[in-house]
Amino acid sequence: MKPVEITDGNFEEEVLKSDIPVIIDFWAVWCGPCKMIHPIVEELADEYAGKLKVGKLDVDVNQQSAIRYGVRSIPTVLLFKDGEVKETIIGAVPKAFFVEKITPYL
């Protein structure tokens, strides 16, 4: 599965109202570390299909959501469950770190 494109317009429906946990990768085209975690985000989307929604939000196009959740550096990955932020992961980290943070919420 491909990550879902999250925008300011669909954020509430795709993230806050989701019946499964959601991770959102806040990224930008020009961000080098964002490119480093892109393959990890894609793998998570495949491996957790049906148990975890994986989304990507371009902060240059969707500034409202980034500001609302205090995203000051990218990549930032937020994990939402029941409409609330449960985990924040900042920077290019190994896949094992993502798995460790996600697992308790599945």
PDB file of N, CA and C in Angstrom:
ATOM      1  N   MET A   1       0.835  -1.203   0.000  1.00  0.00           N
ATOM      2  CA  MET A   1       0.000   0.000   0.000  1.00  0.00           C
ATOM      3  C   MET A   1       0.866   1.248   0.000  1.00  0.00           C
ATOM      4  N   LYS A   2       0.383   2.243  -0.693  1.00  0.00           N
ATOM      5  CA  LYS A   2       1.078   3.527  -0.710  1.00  0.00           C
ATOM      6  C   LYS A   2       0.582   4.359   0.472  1.00  0.00           C
ATOM      7  N   PRO A   3       1.444   5.211   1.017  1.00  0.00           N
ATOM      8  CA  PRO A   3       0.974   6.143   2.042  1.00  0.00           C
ATOM      9  C   PRO A   3      -0.135   7.041   1.479  1.00  0.00           C
ATOM     10  N   VAL A   4      -1.060   7.417   2.341  1.00  0.00           N
ATOM     11  CA  VAL A   4      -2.171   8.293   1.970  1.00  0.00           C
ATOM     12  C   VAL A   4      -1.657   9.730   1.945  1.00  0.00           C
ATOM     13  N   GLU A   5      -2.069  10.500   0.938  1.00  0.00           N
ATOM     14  CA  GLU A   5      -1.694  11.910   0.911  1.00  0.00           C
ATOM     15  C   GLU A   5      -2.619  12.668   1.856  1.00  0.00           C
ATOM     16  N   ILE A   6      -2.040  13.247   2.896  1.00  0.00           N
ATOM     17  CA  ILE A   6      -2.813  14.005   3.877  1.00  0.00           C
ATOM     18  C   ILE A   6      -2.661  15.485   3.556  1.00  0.00           C
ATOM     19  N   THR A   7      -3.774  16.210   3.590  1.00  0.00           N
ATOM     20  CA  THR A   7      -3.779  17.647   3.318  1.00  0.00           C
ATOM     21  C   THR A   7      -4.514  18.361   4.459  1.00  0.00           C
ATOM     22  N   ASP A   8      -4.402  19.676   4.481  1.00  0.00           N
ATOM     23  CA  ASP A   8      -5.178  20.443   5.453  1.00  0.00           C
ATOM     24  C   ASP A   8      -6.669  20.137   5.289  1.00  0.00           C
ATOM     25  N   GLY A   9      -7.092  19.920   4.033  1.00  0.00           N
ATOM     26  CA  GLY A   9      -8.502  19.681   3.737  1.00  0.00           C
ATOM     27  C   GLY A   9      -9.026  18.329   4.197  1.00  0.00           C
ATOM     28  N   ASN A  10      -8.200  17.267   4.164  1.00  0.00           N
ATOM     29  CA  ASN A  10      -8.703  15.941   4.538  1.00  0.00           C
ATOM     30  C   ASN A  10      -8.174  15.461   5.891  1.00  0.00           C
ATOM     31  N   PHE A  11      -7.447  16.324   6.608  1.00  0.00           N
ATOM     32  CA  PHE A  11      -6.784  15.923   7.856  1.00  0.00           C
ATOM     33  C   PHE A  11      -7.776  15.366   8.870  1.00  0.00           C
ATOM     34  N   GLU A  12      -8.861  16.087   9.084  1.00  0.00           N
ATOM     35  CA  GLU A  12      -9.824  15.640  10.100  1.00  0.00           C
ATOM     36  C   GLU A  12     -10.402  14.269   9.747  1.00  0.00           C
ATOM     37  N   GLU A  13     -10.801  14.096   8.497  1.00  0.00           N
ATOM     38  CA  GLU A  13     -11.419  12.830   8.069  1.00  0.00           C
ATOM     39  C   GLU A  13     -10.417  11.674   8.093  1.00  0.00           C
ATOM     40  N   GLU A  14      -9.235  11.888   7.524  1.00  0.00           N
ATOM     41  CA  GLU A  14      -8.241  10.808   7.384  1.00  0.00           C
ATOM     42  C   GLU A  14      -7.508  10.483   8.684  1.00  0.00           C
ATOM     43  N   VAL A  15      -7.308  11.487   9.531  1.00  0.00           N
ATOM     44  CA  VAL A  15      -6.471  11.307  10.721  1.00  0.00           C
ATOM     45  C   VAL A  15      -7.304  11.299  11.998  1.00  0.00           C
ATOM     46  N   LEU A  16      -7.973  12.399  12.266  1.00  0.00           N
ATOM     47  CA  LEU A  16      -8.663  12.554  13.557  1.00  0.00           C
ATOM     48  C   LEU A  16      -9.847  11.604  13.708  1.00  0.00           C
ATOM     49  N   LYS A  17     -10.508  11.259  12.620  1.00  0.00           N
ATOM     50  CA  LYS A  17     -11.678  10.365  12.685  1.00  0.00           C
ATOM     51  C   LYS A  17     -11.345   8.918  12.328  1.00  0.00           C
ATOM     52  N   SER A  18     -10.065   8.612  12.136  1.00  0.00           N
ATOM     53  CA  SER A  18      -9.670   7.259  11.753  1.00  0.00           C
ATOM     54  C   SER A  18      -9.962   6.275  12.884  1.00  0.00           C
ATOM     55  N   ASP A  19     -10.447   5.084  12.518  1.00  0.00           N
ATOM     56  CA  ASP A  19     -10.732   4.067  13.535  1.00  0.00           C
ATOM     57  C   ASP A  19      -9.519   3.187  13.819  1.00  0.00           C
ATOM     58  N   ILE A  20      -8.415   3.442  13.127  1.00  0.00           N
ATOM     59  CA  ILE A  20      -7.150   2.750  13.424  1.00  0.00           C
ATOM     60  C   ILE A  20      -6.077   3.828  13.656  1.00  0.00           C
ATOM     61  N   PRO A  21      -4.981   3.476  14.338  1.00  0.00           N
ATOM     62  CA  PRO A  21      -3.916   4.460  14.536  1.00  0.00           C
ATOM     63  C   PRO A  21      -3.367   4.972  13.197  1.00  0.00           C
ATOM     64  N   VAL A  22      -2.869   6.205  13.222  1.00  0.00           N
ATOM     65  CA  VAL A  22      -2.367   6.858  12.008  1.00  0.00           C
ATOM     66  C   VAL A  22      -0.989   7.442  12.301  1.00  0.00           C
ATOM     67  N   ILE A  23      -0.023   7.224  11.407  1.00  0.00           N
ATOM     68  CA  ILE A  23       1.220   7.988  11.481  1.00  0.00           C
ATOM     69  C   ILE A  23       1.281   8.909  10.273  1.00  0.00           C
ATOM     70  N   ILE A  24       1.679  10.140  10.536  1.00  0.00           N
ATOM     71  CA  ILE A  24       1.792  11.145   9.488  1.00  0.00           C
ATOM     72  C   ILE A  24       3.239  11.589   9.394  1.00  0.00           C
ATOM     73  N   ASP A  25       3.801  11.483   8.209  1.00  0.00           N
ATOM     74  CA  ASP A  25       5.150  11.960   7.912  1.00  0.00           C
ATOM     75  C   ASP A  25       5.020  13.390   7.393  1.00  0.00           C
ATOM     76  N   PHE A  26       5.426  14.363   8.214  1.00  0.00           N
ATOM     77  CA  PHE A  26       5.454  15.764   7.787  1.00  0.00           C
ATOM     78  C   PHE A  26       6.787  15.966   7.068  1.00  0.00           C
ATOM     79  N   TRP A  27       6.741  16.306   5.786  1.00  0.00           N
ATOM     80  CA  TRP A  27       7.934  16.339   4.944  1.00  0.00           C
ATOM     81  C   TRP A  27       7.858  17.504   3.959  1.00  0.00           C
ATOM     82  N   ALA A  28       8.946  17.685   3.203  1.00  0.00           N
ATOM     83  CA  ALA A  28       8.983  18.659   2.106  1.00  0.00           C
ATOM     84  C   ALA A  28       9.920  18.129   1.027  1.00  0.00           C
ATOM     85  N   VAL A  29       9.677  18.546  -0.193  1.00  0.00           N
ATOM     86  CA  VAL A  29      10.443  18.082  -1.355  1.00  0.00           C
ATOM     87  C   VAL A  29      11.933  18.370  -1.199  1.00  0.00           C
ATOM     88  N   TRP A  30      12.279  19.510  -0.627  1.00  0.00           N
ATOM     89  CA  TRP A  30      13.669  19.960  -0.529  1.00  0.00           C
ATOM     90  C   TRP A  30      14.424  19.359   0.661  1.00  0.00           C
ATOM     91  N   CYS A  31      13.763  18.561   1.477  1.00  0.00           N
ATOM     92  CA  CYS A  31      14.329  18.067   2.744  1.00  0.00           C
ATOM     93  C   CYS A  31      15.102  16.756   2.538  1.00  0.00           C
ATOM     94  N   GLY A  32      16.430  16.809   2.717  1.00  0.00           N
ATOM     95  CA  GLY A  32      17.272  15.622   2.556  1.00  0.00           C
ATOM     96  C   GLY A  32      16.927  14.488   3.516  1.00  0.00           C
ATOM     97  N   PRO A  33      16.852  14.762   4.831  1.00  0.00           N
ATOM     98  CA  PRO A  33      16.504  13.688   5.771  1.00  0.00           C
ATOM     99  C   PRO A  33      15.119  13.076   5.499  1.00  0.00           C
ATOM    100  N   CYS A  34      14.207  13.881   4.934  1.00  0.00           N
ATOM    101  CA  CYS A  34      12.878  13.354   4.581  1.00  0.00           C
ATOM    102  C   CYS A  34      13.016  12.252   3.525  1.00  0.00           C
ATOM    103  N   LYS A  35      13.922  12.481   2.569  1.00  0.00           N
ATOM    104  CA  LYS A  35      14.161  11.476   1.524  1.00  0.00           C
ATOM    105  C   LYS A  35      14.745  10.206   2.118  1.00  0.00           C
ATOM    106  N   MET A  36      15.518  10.354   3.215  1.00  0.00           N
ATOM    107  CA  MET A  36      16.129   9.192   3.850  1.00  0.00           C
ATOM    108  C   MET A  36      15.087   8.281   4.505  1.00  0.00           C
ATOM    109  N   ILE A  37      14.034   8.874   5.082  1.00  0.00           N
ATOM    110  CA  ILE A  37      13.025   8.034   5.753  1.00  0.00           C
ATOM    111  C   ILE A  37      11.884   7.619   4.829  1.00  0.00           C
ATOM    112  N   HIS A  38      11.838   8.187   3.629  1.00  0.00           N
ATOM    113  CA  HIS A  38      10.752   7.854   2.694  1.00  0.00           C
ATOM    114  C   HIS A  38      10.588   6.341   2.478  1.00  0.00           C
ATOM    115  N   PRO A  39      11.687   5.598   2.207  1.00  0.00           N
ATOM    116  CA  PRO A  39      11.520   4.142   2.021  1.00  0.00           C
ATOM    117  C   PRO A  39      10.983   3.443   3.277  1.00  0.00           C
ATOM    118  N   ILE A  40      11.371   3.928   4.449  1.00  0.00           N
ATOM    119  CA  ILE A  40      10.877   3.340   5.701  1.00  0.00           C
ATOM    120  C   ILE A  40       9.377   3.561   5.824  1.00  0.00           C
ATOM    121  N   VAL A  41       8.931   4.771   5.519  1.00  0.00           N
ATOM    122  CA  VAL A  41       7.502   5.101   5.598  1.00  0.00           C
ATOM    123  C   VAL A  41       6.709   4.205   4.642  1.00  0.00           C
ATOM    124  N   GLU A  42       7.253   3.992   3.441  1.00  0.00           N
ATOM    125  CA  GLU A  42       6.587   3.119   2.465  1.00  0.00           C
ATOM    126  C   GLU A  42       6.517   1.675   2.971  1.00  0.00           C
ATOM    127  N   GLU A  43       7.609   1.189   3.587  1.00  0.00           N
ATOM    128  CA  GLU A  43       7.612  -0.171   4.137  1.00  0.00           C
ATOM    129  C   GLU A  43       6.582  -0.307   5.252  1.00  0.00           C
ATOM    130  N   LEU A  44       6.489   0.688   6.111  1.00  0.00           N
ATOM    131  CA  LEU A  44       5.510   0.650   7.208  1.00  0.00           C
ATOM    132  C   LEU A  44       4.087   0.589   6.650  1.00  0.00           C
ATOM    133  N   ALA A  45       3.834   1.343   5.569  1.00  0.00           N
ATOM    134  CA  ALA A  45       2.511   1.328   4.944  1.00  0.00           C
ATOM    135  C   ALA A  45       2.158  -0.077   4.463  1.00  0.00           C
ATOM    136  N   ASP A  46       3.145  -0.786   3.889  1.00  0.00           N
ATOM    137  CA  ASP A  46       2.928  -2.160   3.420  1.00  0.00           C
ATOM    138  C   ASP A  46       2.757  -3.132   4.577  1.00  0.00           C
ATOM    139  N   GLU A  47       3.681  -3.074   5.513  1.00  0.00           N
ATOM    140  CA  GLU A  47       3.723  -4.075   6.581  1.00  0.00           C
ATOM    141  C   GLU A  47       2.565  -3.963   7.572  1.00  0.00           C
ATOM    142  N   TYR A  48       2.038  -2.762   7.754  1.00  0.00           N
ATOM    143  CA  TYR A  48       0.965  -2.568   8.737  1.00  0.00           C
ATOM    144  C   TYR A  48      -0.385  -2.282   8.092  1.00  0.00           C
ATOM    145  N   ALA A  49      -0.523  -2.595   6.803  1.00  0.00           N
ATOM    146  CA  ALA A  49      -1.778  -2.353   6.089  1.00  0.00           C
ATOM    147  C   ALA A  49      -2.942  -2.976   6.852  1.00  0.00           C
ATOM    148  N   GLY A  50      -3.983  -2.170   7.067  1.00  0.00           N
ATOM    149  CA  GLY A  50      -5.172  -2.646   7.782  1.00  0.00           C
ATOM    150  C   GLY A  50      -5.099  -2.447   9.285  1.00  0.00           C
ATOM    151  N   LYS A  51      -3.884  -2.277   9.827  1.00  0.00           N
ATOM    152  CA  LYS A  51      -3.711  -2.078  11.267  1.00  0.00           C
ATOM    153  C   LYS A  51      -3.273  -0.657  11.603  1.00  0.00           C
ATOM    154  N   LEU A  52      -2.657  -0.011  10.616  1.00  0.00           N
ATOM    155  CA  LEU A  52      -2.105   1.325  10.805  1.00  0.00           C
ATOM    156  C   LEU A  52      -2.246   2.083   9.497  1.00  0.00           C
ATOM    157  N   LYS A  53      -2.784   3.301   9.571  1.00  0.00           N
ATOM    158  CA  LYS A  53      -2.844   4.148   8.378  1.00  0.00           C
ATOM    159  C   LYS A  53      -1.561   4.970   8.340  1.00  0.00           C
ATOM    160  N   VAL A  54      -0.913   4.995   7.190  1.00  0.00           N
ATOM    161  CA  VAL A  54       0.327   5.749   7.021  1.00  0.00           C
ATOM    162  C   VAL A  54       0.063   6.868   6.022  1.00  0.00           C
ATOM    163  N   GLY A  55       0.374   8.088   6.431  1.00  0.00           N
ATOM    164  CA  GLY A  55       0.143   9.230   5.565  1.00  0.00           C
ATOM    165  C   GLY A  55       1.363  10.118   5.458  1.00  0.00           C
ATOM    166  N   LYS A  56       1.370  10.931   4.401  1.00  0.00           N
ATOM    167  CA  LYS A  56       2.436  11.907   4.186  1.00  0.00           C
ATOM    168  C   LYS A  56       1.779  13.269   3.991  1.00  0.00           C
ATOM    169  N   LEU A  57       2.342  14.285   4.653  1.00  0.00           N
ATOM    170  CA  LEU A  57       1.809  15.627   4.542  1.00  0.00           C
ATOM    171  C   LEU A  57       2.941  16.568   4.146  1.00  0.00           C
ATOM    172  N   ASP A  58       2.813  17.195   2.989  1.00  0.00           N
ATOM    173  CA  ASP A  58       3.810  18.142   2.484  1.00  0.00           C
ATOM    174  C   ASP A  58       3.609  19.472   3.215  1.00  0.00           C
ATOM    175  N   VAL A  59       4.580  19.846   4.062  1.00  0.00           N
ATOM    176  CA  VAL A  59       4.423  21.043   4.891  1.00  0.00           C
ATOM    177  C   VAL A  59       4.436  22.341   4.088  1.00  0.00           C
ATOM    178  N   ASP A  60       5.032  22.332   2.901  1.00  0.00           N
ATOM    179  CA  ASP A  60       5.034  23.543   2.084  1.00  0.00           C
ATOM    180  C   ASP A  60       3.650  23.851   1.529  1.00  0.00           C
ATOM    181  N   VAL A  61       2.872  22.812   1.274  1.00  0.00           N
ATOM    182  CA  VAL A  61       1.541  22.968   0.698  1.00  0.00           C
ATOM    183  C   VAL A  61       0.462  23.019   1.791  1.00  0.00           C
ATOM    184  N   ASN A  62       0.715  22.373   2.914  1.00  0.00           N
ATOM    185  CA  ASN A  62      -0.280  22.237   3.980  1.00  0.00           C
ATOM    186  C   ASN A  62       0.251  22.795   5.301  1.00  0.00           C
ATOM    187  N   GLN A  63       0.511  24.096   5.307  1.00  0.00           N
ATOM    188  CA  GLN A  63       1.131  24.727   6.469  1.00  0.00           C
ATOM    189  C   GLN A  63       0.216  24.760   7.691  1.00  0.00           C
ATOM    190  N   GLN A  64      -1.084  24.824   7.477  1.00  0.00           N
ATOM    191  CA  GLN A  64      -2.041  24.920   8.581  1.00  0.00           C
ATOM    192  C   GLN A  64      -1.913  23.735   9.543  1.00  0.00           C
ATOM    193  N   SER A  65      -1.849  22.522   9.008  1.00  0.00           N
ATOM    194  CA  SER A  65      -1.738  21.330   9.861  1.00  0.00           C
ATOM    195  C   SER A  65      -0.387  21.285  10.568  1.00  0.00           C
ATOM    196  N   ALA A  66       0.672  21.669   9.871  1.00  0.00           N
ATOM    197  CA  ALA A  66       2.006  21.676  10.477  1.00  0.00           C
ATOM    198  C   ALA A  66       2.052  22.660  11.648  1.00  0.00           C
ATOM    199  N   ILE A  67       1.484  23.834  11.461  1.00  0.00           N
ATOM    200  CA  ILE A  67       1.456  24.846  12.524  1.00  0.00           C
ATOM    201  C   ILE A  67       0.591  24.361  13.688  1.00  0.00           C
ATOM    202  N   ARG A  68      -0.559  23.804  13.381  1.00  0.00           N
ATOM    203  CA  ARG A  68      -1.491  23.338  14.409  1.00  0.00           C
ATOM    204  C   ARG A  68      -0.849  22.319  15.359  1.00  0.00           C
ATOM    205  N   TYR A  69       0.028  21.473  14.816  1.00  0.00           N
ATOM    206  CA  TYR A  69       0.652  20.436  15.630  1.00  0.00           C
ATOM    207  C   TYR A  69       2.101  20.760  16.006  1.00  0.00           C
ATOM    208  N   GLY A  70       2.503  22.022  15.822  1.00  0.00           N
ATOM    209  CA  GLY A  70       3.803  22.477  16.291  1.00  0.00           C
ATOM    210  C   GLY A  70       4.992  21.846  15.596  1.00  0.00           C
ATOM    211  N   VAL A  71       4.823  21.492  14.332  1.00  0.00           N
ATOM    212  CA  VAL A  71       5.928  20.891  13.584  1.00  0.00           C
ATOM    213  C   VAL A  71       6.897  21.999  13.189  1.00  0.00           C
ATOM    214  N   ARG A  72       8.082  21.973  13.814  1.00  0.00           N
ATOM    215  CA  ARG A  72       9.074  23.028  13.582  1.00  0.00           C
ATOM    216  C   ARG A  72      10.267  22.541  12.769  1.00  0.00           C
ATOM    217  N   SER A  73      10.499  21.238  12.763  1.00  0.00           N
ATOM    218  CA  SER A  73      11.586  20.700  11.944  1.00  0.00           C
ATOM    219  C   SER A  73      11.069  19.439  11.258  1.00  0.00           C
ATOM    220  N   ILE A  74      11.625  19.175  10.098  1.00  0.00           N
ATOM    221  CA  ILE A  74      11.184  17.991   9.361  1.00  0.00           C
ATOM    222  C   ILE A  74      12.397  17.141   9.029  1.00  0.00           C
ATOM    223  N   PRO A  75      12.236  15.855   8.893  1.00  0.00           N
ATOM    224  CA  PRO A  75      10.953  15.162   9.011  1.00  0.00           C
ATOM    225  C   PRO A  75      10.507  15.041  10.477  1.00  0.00           C
ATOM    226  N   THR A  76       9.211  15.211  10.661  1.00  0.00           N
ATOM    227  CA  THR A  76       8.563  14.906  11.931  1.00  0.00           C
ATOM    228  C   THR A  76       7.464  13.913  11.618  1.00  0.00           C
ATOM    229  N   VAL A  77       7.404  12.839  12.391  1.00  0.00           N
ATOM    230  CA  VAL A  77       6.346  11.847  12.236  1.00  0.00           C
ATOM    231  C   VAL A  77       5.528  11.854  13.521  1.00  0.00           C
ATOM    232  N   LEU A  78       4.224  12.074  13.369  1.00  0.00           N
ATOM    233  CA  LEU A  78       3.316  12.060  14.518  1.00  0.00           C
ATOM    234  C   LEU A  78       2.459  10.813  14.454  1.00  0.00           C
ATOM    235  N   LEU A  79       2.265  10.169  15.593  1.00  0.00           N
ATOM    236  CA  LEU A  79       1.375   9.023  15.677  1.00  0.00           C
ATOM    237  C   LEU A  79       0.110   9.460  16.394  1.00  0.00           C
ATOM    238  N   PHE A  80      -1.019   9.281  15.725  1.00  0.00           N
ATOM    239  CA  PHE A  80      -2.324   9.636  16.284  1.00  0.00           C
ATOM    240  C   PHE A  80      -3.100   8.372  16.609  1.00  0.00           C
ATOM    241  N   LYS A  81      -3.790   8.387  17.735  1.00  0.00           N
ATOM    242  CA  LYS A  81      -4.748   7.337  18.048  1.00  0.00           C
ATOM    243  C   LYS A  81      -5.933   8.021  18.708  1.00  0.00           C
ATOM    244  N   ASP A  82      -7.130   7.678  18.242  1.00  0.00           N
ATOM    245  CA  ASP A  82      -8.359   8.292  18.748  1.00  0.00           C
ATOM    246  C   ASP A  82      -8.301   9.820  18.679  1.00  0.00           C
ATOM    247  N   GLY A  83      -7.713  10.332  17.590  1.00  0.00           N
ATOM    248  CA  GLY A  83      -7.688  11.772  17.355  1.00  0.00           C
ATOM    249  C   GLY A  83      -6.669  12.548  18.155  1.00  0.00           C
ATOM    250  N   GLU A  84      -5.808  11.854  18.911  1.00  0.00           N
ATOM    251  CA  GLU A  84      -4.813  12.538  19.732  1.00  0.00           C
ATOM    252  C   GLU A  84      -3.398  12.113  19.352  1.00  0.00           C
ATOM    253  N   VAL A  85      -2.453  13.055  19.462  1.00  0.00           N
ATOM    254  CA  VAL A  85      -1.046  12.729  19.225  1.00  0.00           C
ATOM    255  C   VAL A  85      -0.542  11.907  20.401  1.00  0.00           C
ATOM    256  N   LYS A  86      -0.031  10.718  20.104  1.00  0.00           N
ATOM    257  CA  LYS A  86       0.488   9.825  21.144  1.00  0.00           C
ATOM    258  C   LYS A  86       2.014   9.759  21.137  1.00  0.00           C
ATOM    259  N   GLU A  87       2.627   9.928  19.959  1.00  0.00           N
ATOM    260  CA  GLU A  87       4.083   9.861  19.832  1.00  0.00           C
ATOM    261  C   GLU A  87       4.548  10.894  18.809  1.00  0.00           C
ATOM    262  N   THR A  88       5.742  11.427  19.037  1.00  0.00           N
ATOM    263  CA  THR A  88       6.383  12.345  18.104  1.00  0.00           C
ATOM    264  C   THR A  88       7.789  11.825  17.829  1.00  0.00           C
ATOM    265  N   ILE A  89       8.111  11.659  16.553  1.00  0.00           N
ATOM    266  CA  ILE A  89       9.436  11.202  16.143  1.00  0.00           C
ATOM    267  C   ILE A  89      10.009  12.286  15.236  1.00  0.00           C
ATOM    268  N   ILE A  90      11.161  12.840  15.641  1.00  0.00           N
ATOM    269  CA  ILE A  90      11.766  13.933  14.868  1.00  0.00           C
ATOM    270  C   ILE A  90      13.097  13.470  14.299  1.00  0.00           C
ATOM    271  N   GLY A  91      13.278  13.742  12.996  1.00  0.00           N
ATOM    272  CA  GLY A  91      14.548  13.434  12.348  1.00  0.00           C
ATOM    273  C   GLY A  91      14.541  12.082  11.653  1.00  0.00           C
ATOM    274  N   ALA A  92      15.642  11.814  10.979  1.00  0.00           N
ATOM    275  CA  ALA A  92      15.805  10.557  10.251  1.00  0.00           C
ATOM    276  C   ALA A  92      16.287   9.501  11.243  1.00  0.00           C
ATOM    277  N   VAL A  93      15.395   8.601  11.605  1.00  0.00           N
ATOM    278  CA  VAL A  93      15.713   7.548  12.573  1.00  0.00           C
ATOM    279  C   VAL A  93      15.562   6.186  11.898  1.00  0.00           C
ATOM    280  N   PRO A  94      16.184   5.136  12.448  1.00  0.00           N
ATOM    281  CA  PRO A  94      16.087   3.808  11.836  1.00  0.00           C
ATOM    282  C   PRO A  94      14.670   3.231  11.939  1.00  0.00           C
ATOM    283  N   LYS A  95      14.383   2.307  11.055  1.00  0.00           N
ATOM    284  CA  LYS A  95      13.066   1.666  11.029  1.00  0.00           C
ATOM    285  C   LYS A  95      12.714   1.044  12.372  1.00  0.00           C
ATOM    286  N   ALA A  96      13.687   0.421  13.035  1.00  0.00           N
ATOM    287  CA  ALA A  96      13.429  -0.225  14.330  1.00  0.00           C
ATOM    288  C   ALA A  96      12.870   0.767  15.347  1.00  0.00           C
ATOM    289  N   PHE A  97      13.301   2.017  15.272  1.00  0.00           N
ATOM    290  CA  PHE A  97      12.804   3.046  16.193  1.00  0.00           C
ATOM    291  C   PHE A  97      11.324   3.313  15.939  1.00  0.00           C
ATOM    292  N   PHE A  98      10.933   3.399  14.654  1.00  0.00           N
ATOM    293  CA  PHE A  98       9.521   3.580  14.309  1.00  0.00           C
ATOM    294  C   PHE A  98       8.689   2.413  14.840  1.00  0.00           C
ATOM    295  N   VAL A  99       9.163   1.190  14.590  1.00  0.00           N
ATOM    296  CA  VAL A  99       8.439  -0.016  15.009  1.00  0.00           C
ATOM    297  C   VAL A  99       8.240  -0.019  16.524  1.00  0.00           C
ATOM    298  N   GLU A 100       9.284   0.346  17.250  1.00  0.00           N
ATOM    299  CA  GLU A 100       9.225   0.401  18.717  1.00  0.00           C
ATOM    300  C   GLU A 100       8.157   1.388  19.197  1.00  0.00           C
ATOM    301  N   LYS A 101       8.061   2.543  18.528  1.00  0.00           N
ATOM    302  CA  LYS A 101       7.101   3.564  18.920  1.00  0.00           C
ATOM    303  C   LYS A 101       5.665   3.213  18.519  1.00  0.00           C
ATOM    304  N   ILE A 102       5.509   2.527  17.394  1.00  0.00           N
ATOM    305  CA  ILE A 102       4.186   2.202  16.844  1.00  0.00           C
ATOM    306  C   ILE A 102       3.539   1.022  17.551  1.00  0.00           C
ATOM    307  N   THR A 103       4.312  -0.007  17.833  1.00  0.00           N
ATOM    308  CA  THR A 103       3.789  -1.288  18.318  1.00  0.00           C
ATOM    309  C   THR A 103       2.814  -1.193  19.491  1.00  0.00           C
ATOM    310  N   PRO A 104       3.093  -0.375  20.519  1.00  0.00           N
ATOM    311  CA  PRO A 104       2.152  -0.336  21.655  1.00  0.00           C
ATOM    312  C   PRO A 104       0.736   0.147  21.289  1.00  0.00           C
ATOM    313  N   TYR A 105       0.585   0.798  20.141  1.00  0.00           N
ATOM    314  CA  TYR A 105      -0.714   1.389  19.773  1.00  0.00           C
ATOM    315  C   TYR A 105      -1.514   0.527  18.804  1.00  0.00           C
ATOM    316  N   LEU A 106      -0.952  -0.593  18.393  1.00  0.00           N
ATOM    317  CA  LEU A 106      -1.651  -1.440  17.411  1.00  0.00           C
ATOM    318  C   LEU A 106      -2.616  -2.388  18.088  1.00  0.00           C
TER     319      LEU A 106
END
